[in-house]
Amino acid sequence: MELKNNLKRYRFDNNQLTQEKMAEALDVSRQTIIAIESGKFNPSVKLALKMANLFQCRIEDLFYMEEK
C-alpha cells in the first residue's frame, strides 16, 4: 500500500493557497510541500496534524492509503 494525499486539491479549494504560503503557515520549506504533494516524502504525524488544522479537516481527508 502507498500513502497518497489530497493536498493540492485542498490548497486550491482554500482560496488557491500557494505552496509558498502553505509552507510559511506550517513553518516548513516550499520544497517540503512539493515533496509531500508528489508523494516523495511522508510528513511526520505532527506536520500532518498541523496541515489538518490549517485546512480545518481530518488527517484522513488529506491522506489515504492506496493499493499499488
N, C-alpha and C. Protein backbone atom coordinates (compact mmCIF):
# COMPACT_ATOMS: atom_id res chain seq x y z
N MET A 1 0.84 -1.18 0.00
CA MET A 1 0.00 0.00 0.00
C MET A 1 0.88 1.24 0.00
N GLU A 2 0.33 2.28 -0.55
CA GLU A 2 1.08 3.51 -0.72
C GLU A 2 0.28 4.70 -0.17
N LEU A 3 0.98 5.61 0.51
CA LEU A 3 0.34 6.80 1.06
C LEU A 3 0.13 7.83 -0.05
N LYS A 4 -1.10 8.27 -0.21
CA LYS A 4 -1.46 9.30 -1.20
C LYS A 4 -2.03 10.49 -0.46
N ASN A 5 -2.18 11.62 -1.16
CA ASN A 5 -2.73 12.80 -0.49
C ASN A 5 -3.57 13.66 -1.41
N ASN A 6 -4.37 14.51 -0.78
CA ASN A 6 -5.25 15.45 -1.47
C ASN A 6 -4.81 16.90 -1.21
N LEU A 7 -3.55 17.11 -0.91
CA LEU A 7 -3.10 18.44 -0.52
C LEU A 7 -3.31 19.48 -1.61
N LYS A 8 -3.00 19.12 -2.83
CA LYS A 8 -3.14 20.09 -3.92
C LYS A 8 -4.59 20.56 -4.03
N ARG A 9 -5.52 19.64 -3.95
CA ARG A 9 -6.94 19.98 -4.04
C ARG A 9 -7.34 20.89 -2.88
N TYR A 10 -6.87 20.55 -1.67
CA TYR A 10 -7.21 21.38 -0.51
C TYR A 10 -6.59 22.77 -0.63
N ARG A 11 -5.38 22.86 -1.16
CA ARG A 11 -4.75 24.17 -1.36
C ARG A 11 -5.60 25.03 -2.30
N PHE A 12 -6.02 24.46 -3.42
CA PHE A 12 -6.79 25.21 -4.40
C PHE A 12 -8.19 25.54 -3.89
N ASP A 13 -8.77 24.63 -3.12
CA ASP A 13 -10.09 24.89 -2.54
C ASP A 13 -10.03 25.96 -1.46
N ASN A 14 -8.84 26.21 -0.94
CA ASN A 14 -8.65 27.19 0.12
C ASN A 14 -8.09 28.49 -0.49
N ASN A 15 -8.90 29.13 -1.32
CA ASN A 15 -8.52 30.39 -1.97
C ASN A 15 -7.22 30.27 -2.76
N GLN A 16 -7.01 29.13 -3.39
CA GLN A 16 -5.82 28.87 -4.19
C GLN A 16 -4.53 29.20 -3.43
N LEU A 17 -4.44 28.64 -2.24
CA LEU A 17 -3.27 28.81 -1.39
C LEU A 17 -2.03 28.28 -2.12
N THR A 18 -0.99 29.10 -2.21
CA THR A 18 0.23 28.67 -2.90
C THR A 18 1.04 27.74 -2.00
N GLN A 19 1.93 26.99 -2.62
CA GLN A 19 2.83 26.12 -1.86
C GLN A 19 3.67 26.97 -0.91
N GLU A 20 4.08 28.13 -1.37
CA GLU A 20 4.91 29.02 -0.55
C GLU A 20 4.14 29.51 0.69
N LYS A 21 2.90 29.94 0.50
CA LYS A 21 2.10 30.42 1.63
C LYS A 21 1.79 29.28 2.60
N MET A 22 1.52 28.10 2.07
CA MET A 22 1.25 26.95 2.91
C MET A 22 2.50 26.61 3.73
N ALA A 23 3.65 26.63 3.08
CA ALA A 23 4.92 26.34 3.76
C ALA A 23 5.15 27.35 4.89
N GLU A 24 4.90 28.62 4.63
CA GLU A 24 5.07 29.65 5.66
C GLU A 24 4.14 29.39 6.84
N ALA A 25 2.89 29.05 6.56
CA ALA A 25 1.91 28.81 7.62
C ALA A 25 2.30 27.61 8.49
N LEU A 26 2.98 26.64 7.88
CA LEU A 26 3.35 25.41 8.59
C LEU A 26 4.79 25.43 9.10
N ASP A 27 5.51 26.51 8.80
CA ASP A 27 6.91 26.66 9.21
C ASP A 27 7.80 25.55 8.64
N VAL A 28 7.60 25.27 7.35
CA VAL A 28 8.45 24.32 6.63
C VAL A 28 8.87 24.98 5.31
N SER A 29 9.73 24.33 4.57
CA SER A 29 10.16 24.89 3.28
C SER A 29 9.15 24.55 2.18
N ARG A 30 9.19 25.33 1.13
CA ARG A 30 8.34 25.05 -0.04
C ARG A 30 8.70 23.69 -0.62
N GLN A 31 9.97 23.34 -0.58
CA GLN A 31 10.42 22.04 -1.08
C GLN A 31 9.77 20.90 -0.32
N THR A 32 9.53 21.09 0.97
CA THR A 32 8.85 20.07 1.77
C THR A 32 7.44 19.86 1.26
N ILE A 33 6.73 20.95 0.98
CA ILE A 33 5.36 20.86 0.46
C ILE A 33 5.37 20.16 -0.90
N ILE A 34 6.30 20.52 -1.75
CA ILE A 34 6.42 19.89 -3.08
C ILE A 34 6.64 18.39 -2.93
N ALA A 35 7.56 18.01 -2.05
CA ALA A 35 7.89 16.59 -1.85
C ALA A 35 6.70 15.81 -1.30
N ILE A 36 5.94 16.41 -0.40
CA ILE A 36 4.77 15.73 0.16
C ILE A 36 3.70 15.56 -0.91
N GLU A 37 3.40 16.65 -1.64
CA GLU A 37 2.37 16.59 -2.68
C GLU A 37 2.71 15.56 -3.76
N SER A 38 3.98 15.42 -4.08
CA SER A 38 4.38 14.49 -5.13
C SER A 38 4.54 13.06 -4.63
N GLY A 39 4.38 12.85 -3.32
CA GLY A 39 4.48 11.51 -2.74
C GLY A 39 5.89 11.04 -2.50
N LYS A 40 6.87 11.95 -2.58
CA LYS A 40 8.26 11.58 -2.36
C LYS A 40 8.66 11.65 -0.89
N PHE A 41 7.80 12.26 -0.08
CA PHE A 41 8.10 12.42 1.34
C PHE A 41 6.81 12.29 2.13
N ASN A 42 6.85 11.51 3.20
CA ASN A 42 5.70 11.37 4.09
C ASN A 42 5.91 12.28 5.29
N PRO A 43 4.93 13.12 5.60
CA PRO A 43 5.10 14.05 6.72
C PRO A 43 5.05 13.32 8.06
N SER A 44 5.63 13.96 9.05
CA SER A 44 5.53 13.44 10.41
C SER A 44 4.08 13.57 10.87
N VAL A 45 3.75 12.89 11.92
CA VAL A 45 2.39 12.99 12.48
C VAL A 45 2.13 14.44 12.90
N LYS A 46 3.12 15.08 13.49
CA LYS A 46 2.97 16.47 13.93
C LYS A 46 2.66 17.39 12.74
N LEU A 47 3.39 17.22 11.64
CA LEU A 47 3.16 18.05 10.47
C LEU A 47 1.80 17.74 9.84
N ALA A 48 1.43 16.48 9.80
CA ALA A 48 0.11 16.10 9.26
C ALA A 48 -1.01 16.73 10.09
N LEU A 49 -0.84 16.75 11.40
CA LEU A 49 -1.83 17.38 12.28
C LEU A 49 -1.90 18.89 12.03
N LYS A 50 -0.74 19.52 11.82
CA LYS A 50 -0.72 20.95 11.53
C LYS A 50 -1.42 21.24 10.20
N MET A 51 -1.24 20.35 9.22
CA MET A 51 -1.91 20.52 7.92
C MET A 51 -3.42 20.40 8.08
N ALA A 52 -3.86 19.39 8.82
CA ALA A 52 -5.29 19.20 9.04
C ALA A 52 -5.88 20.41 9.77
N ASN A 53 -5.15 20.93 10.72
CA ASN A 53 -5.60 22.12 11.44
C ASN A 53 -5.69 23.33 10.50
N LEU A 54 -4.71 23.48 9.64
CA LEU A 54 -4.69 24.59 8.68
C LEU A 54 -5.94 24.57 7.79
N PHE A 55 -6.30 23.37 7.32
CA PHE A 55 -7.45 23.24 6.43
C PHE A 55 -8.76 22.92 7.17
N GLN A 56 -8.68 22.84 8.49
CA GLN A 56 -9.84 22.54 9.32
C GLN A 56 -10.57 21.28 8.84
N CYS A 57 -9.77 20.22 8.73
CA CYS A 57 -10.30 18.93 8.30
C CYS A 57 -9.60 17.83 9.10
N ARG A 58 -9.96 16.59 8.82
CA ARG A 58 -9.32 15.45 9.47
C ARG A 58 -8.09 15.03 8.66
N ILE A 59 -7.13 14.42 9.32
CA ILE A 59 -5.94 13.92 8.62
C ILE A 59 -6.36 12.95 7.50
N GLU A 60 -7.39 12.15 7.78
CA GLU A 60 -7.87 11.17 6.79
C GLU A 60 -8.42 11.84 5.54
N ASP A 61 -8.83 13.10 5.65
CA ASP A 61 -9.29 13.83 4.47
C ASP A 61 -8.11 14.23 3.58
N LEU A 62 -6.96 14.43 4.19
CA LEU A 62 -5.77 14.84 3.45
C LEU A 62 -4.96 13.65 2.93
N PHE A 63 -4.86 12.60 3.75
CA PHE A 63 -4.01 11.45 3.43
C PHE A 63 -4.82 10.17 3.43
N TYR A 64 -4.48 9.27 2.50
CA TYR A 64 -5.16 7.98 2.43
C TYR A 64 -4.20 6.94 1.86
N MET A 65 -4.52 5.69 2.10
CA MET A 65 -3.71 4.57 1.60
C MET A 65 -4.34 4.03 0.33
N GLU A 66 -3.50 3.68 -0.63
CA GLU A 66 -3.98 3.13 -1.90
C GLU A 66 -3.14 1.92 -2.26
N GLU A 67 -3.82 0.91 -2.79
CA GLU A 67 -3.11 -0.30 -3.25
C GLU A 67 -2.22 0.07 -4.42
N LYS A 68 -1.05 -0.56 -4.49
CA LYS A 68 -0.12 -0.29 -5.61
C LYS A 68 -0.60 -0.94 -6.86
